[in-house]
Amino acid sequence: MYNLHPGFSVFPTPSRVGDRVKIRYHGLLSECGADQVYLRTGYGSEHWENIFDHRMEKDGNEWEKEIRIEKEGQFNFCFKDSANNWDNNNGLNWSYTIKR
């Protein structure tokens, strides 16, 4: 499980193309009472491609979303709420490498 940040977890990691990955979020936006949280994902090391905002579902004090890994290479993600506040690792986002 990828849990280097105290505000989210990713399972399973490492992940491969085609895997279904569950991302759970309980970070700053959740702590501040966000009424909706979105998981933004994309692929690529310099510029994000295949960018998508996934509406997360509330589960107790956390938000969760299960997605399918579509491509190999660098998988990037961050979080935003319905008021467009971001939790994005101070602009660096989070990422890890997907293998085929």
C-alpha atoms as a PDB file:
ATOM      1  CA  MET A   1       0.000   0.000   0.000  1.00  0.00           C
ATOM      2  CA  TYR A   2       1.289   3.447  -0.954  1.00  0.00           C
ATOM      3  CA  ASN A   3       0.854   5.554   2.166  1.00  0.00           C
ATOM      4  CA  LEU A   4       3.799   7.953   2.316  1.00  0.00           C
ATOM      5  CA  HIS A   5       1.415  10.856   2.816  1.00  0.00           C
ATOM      6  CA  PRO A   6      -0.742  10.879   5.927  1.00  0.00           C
ATOM      7  CA  GLY A   7      -3.785  12.061   3.944  1.00  0.00           C
ATOM      8  CA  PHE A   8      -4.320   9.171   1.514  1.00  0.00           C
ATOM      9  CA  SER A   9      -3.628   5.544   0.686  1.00  0.00           C
ATOM     10  CA  VAL A  10      -3.411   3.620  -2.592  1.00  0.00           C
ATOM     11  CA  PHE A  11      -3.977  -0.129  -2.861  1.00  0.00           C
ATOM     12  CA  PRO A  12      -2.562  -2.197  -4.432  1.00  0.00           C
ATOM     13  CA  THR A  13       0.903  -0.869  -5.012  1.00  0.00           C
ATOM     14  CA  PRO A  14       2.897  -1.533  -6.987  1.00  0.00           C
ATOM     15  CA  SER A  15       0.208  -1.321  -9.659  1.00  0.00           C
ATOM     16  CA  ARG A  16       0.211  -2.638 -13.209  1.00  0.00           C
ATOM     17  CA  VAL A  17      -1.704  -1.695 -16.350  1.00  0.00           C
ATOM     18  CA  GLY A  18      -5.234  -3.062 -16.049  1.00  0.00           C
ATOM     19  CA  ASP A  19      -5.247  -3.184 -12.239  1.00  0.00           C
ATOM     20  CA  ARG A  20      -8.193  -1.755 -10.312  1.00  0.00           C
ATOM     21  CA  VAL A  21      -6.727   0.596  -7.701  1.00  0.00           C
ATOM     22  CA  LYS A  22      -8.557   1.965  -4.662  1.00  0.00           C
ATOM     23  CA  ILE A  23      -7.515   5.433  -3.513  1.00  0.00           C
ATOM     24  CA  ARG A  24      -8.737   6.578  -0.104  1.00  0.00           C
ATOM     25  CA  TYR A  25      -8.407  10.218   0.925  1.00  0.00           C
ATOM     26  CA  HIS A  26      -8.648  11.742   4.405  1.00  0.00           C
ATOM     27  CA  GLY A  27      -6.379  14.762   4.012  1.00  0.00           C
ATOM     28  CA  LEU A  28      -6.729  18.513   4.410  1.00  0.00           C
ATOM     29  CA  LEU A  29      -9.841  18.953   2.246  1.00  0.00           C
ATOM     30  CA  SER A  30     -11.671  16.245   4.160  1.00  0.00           C
ATOM     31  CA  GLU A  31     -10.507  17.639   7.497  1.00  0.00           C
ATOM     32  CA  CYS A  32     -11.857  21.078   6.502  1.00  0.00           C
ATOM     33  CA  GLY A  33     -15.321  19.679   5.787  1.00  0.00           C
ATOM     34  CA  ALA A  34     -15.388  19.498   1.973  1.00  0.00           C
ATOM     35  CA  ASP A  35     -18.853  18.600   0.707  1.00  0.00           C
ATOM     36  CA  GLN A  36     -17.337  16.800  -2.309  1.00  0.00           C
ATOM     37  CA  VAL A  37     -13.803  15.649  -3.179  1.00  0.00           C
ATOM     38  CA  TYR A  38     -12.483  14.801  -6.642  1.00  0.00           C
ATOM     39  CA  LEU A  39      -9.459  12.701  -7.518  1.00  0.00           C
ATOM     40  CA  ARG A  40      -7.585  14.197 -10.485  1.00  0.00           C
ATOM     41  CA  THR A  41      -5.458  11.669 -12.352  1.00  0.00           C
ATOM     42  CA  GLY A  42      -3.138  11.791 -15.340  1.00  0.00           C
ATOM     43  CA  TYR A  43      -0.137  10.089 -16.885  1.00  0.00           C
ATOM     44  CA  GLY A  44       3.268  11.381 -17.965  1.00  0.00           C
ATOM     45  CA  SER A  45       6.471  12.713 -16.468  1.00  0.00           C
ATOM     46  CA  GLU A  46       6.636  16.261 -17.868  1.00  0.00           C
ATOM     47  CA  HIS A  47       3.093  17.047 -18.953  1.00  0.00           C
ATOM     48  CA  TRP A  48       0.004  15.199 -17.814  1.00  0.00           C
ATOM     49  CA  GLU A  49      -1.984  13.308 -20.444  1.00  0.00           C
ATOM     50  CA  ASN A  50      -5.348  11.552 -20.113  1.00  0.00           C
ATOM     51  CA  ILE A  51      -6.389  13.951 -17.320  1.00  0.00           C
ATOM     52  CA  PHE A  52      -9.631  13.044 -15.591  1.00  0.00           C
ATOM     53  CA  ASP A  53     -11.481  14.228 -12.489  1.00  0.00           C
ATOM     54  CA  HIS A  54     -13.087  11.309 -10.644  1.00  0.00           C
ATOM     55  CA  ARG A  55     -15.903  12.090  -8.213  1.00  0.00           C
ATOM     56  CA  MET A  56     -15.032  10.350  -4.938  1.00  0.00           C
ATOM     57  CA  GLU A  57     -17.588   8.715  -2.638  1.00  0.00           C
ATOM     58  CA  LYS A  58     -17.735   9.548   1.067  1.00  0.00           C
ATOM     59  CA  ASP A  59     -17.122   6.620   3.414  1.00  0.00           C
ATOM     60  CA  GLY A  60     -17.194   7.735   7.053  1.00  0.00           C
ATOM     61  CA  ASN A  61     -14.457  10.354   7.489  1.00  0.00           C
ATOM     62  CA  GLU A  62     -12.768   9.399   4.219  1.00  0.00           C
ATOM     63  CA  TRP A  63     -13.396   9.685   0.503  1.00  0.00           C
ATOM     64  CA  GLU A  64     -12.661   6.799  -1.845  1.00  0.00           C
ATOM     65  CA  LYS A  65     -12.556   5.969  -5.521  1.00  0.00           C
ATOM     66  CA  GLU A  66     -11.618   2.825  -7.401  1.00  0.00           C
ATOM     67  CA  ILE A  67     -10.096   3.406 -10.829  1.00  0.00           C
ATOM     68  CA  ARG A  68      -8.539   1.240 -13.523  1.00  0.00           C
ATOM     69  CA  ILE A  69      -4.892   1.887 -14.410  1.00  0.00           C
ATOM     70  CA  GLU A  70      -4.872   2.577 -18.160  1.00  0.00           C
ATOM     71  CA  LYS A  71      -1.221   3.203 -19.100  1.00  0.00           C
ATOM     72  CA  GLU A  72       2.298   2.320 -18.059  1.00  0.00           C
ATOM     73  CA  GLY A  73       4.786   4.977 -16.989  1.00  0.00           C
ATOM     74  CA  GLN A  74       4.247   7.733 -14.463  1.00  0.00           C
ATOM     75  CA  PHE A  75       0.793   7.864 -12.854  1.00  0.00           C
ATOM     76  CA  ASN A  76       0.014  11.234 -11.254  1.00  0.00           C
ATOM     77  CA  PHE A  77      -2.756  12.309  -8.924  1.00  0.00           C
ATOM     78  CA  CYS A  78      -3.986  15.015  -6.577  1.00  0.00           C
ATOM     79  CA  PHE A  79      -7.253  16.057  -4.947  1.00  0.00           C
ATOM     80  CA  LYS A  80      -9.635  19.026  -5.145  1.00  0.00           C
ATOM     81  CA  ASP A  81     -12.970  19.929  -3.625  1.00  0.00           C
ATOM     82  CA  SER A  82     -16.122  21.457  -5.098  1.00  0.00           C
ATOM     83  CA  ALA A  83     -14.891  24.977  -4.168  1.00  0.00           C
ATOM     84  CA  ASN A  84     -11.719  24.366  -6.255  1.00  0.00           C
ATOM     85  CA  ASN A  85      -9.401  24.106  -3.235  1.00  0.00           C
ATOM     86  CA  TRP A  86      -6.499  21.734  -3.919  1.00  0.00           C
ATOM     87  CA  ASP A  87      -4.489  19.210  -1.955  1.00  0.00           C
ATOM     88  CA  ASN A  88      -1.634  18.662  -4.390  1.00  0.00           C
ATOM     89  CA  ASN A  89       1.583  18.228  -2.399  1.00  0.00           C
ATOM     90  CA  ASN A  90       2.384  21.960  -2.614  1.00  0.00           C
ATOM     91  CA  GLY A  91       2.044  21.897  -6.402  1.00  0.00           C
ATOM     92  CA  LEU A  92       4.211  18.793  -6.851  1.00  0.00           C
ATOM     93  CA  ASN A  93       1.292  16.311  -6.890  1.00  0.00           C
ATOM     94  CA  TRP A  94       1.890  12.629  -6.140  1.00  0.00           C
ATOM     95  CA  SER A  95       3.079   9.996  -8.557  1.00  0.00           C
ATOM     96  CA  TYR A  96       4.461   6.501  -8.908  1.00  0.00           C
ATOM     97  CA  THR A  97       5.538   4.265 -11.777  1.00  0.00           C
ATOM     98  CA  ILE A  98       3.141   1.816 -13.434  1.00  0.00           C
ATOM     99  CA  LYS A  99       4.596  -1.260 -15.103  1.00  0.00           C
ATOM    100  CA  ARG A 100       3.033  -3.353 -17.825  1.00  0.00           C
END
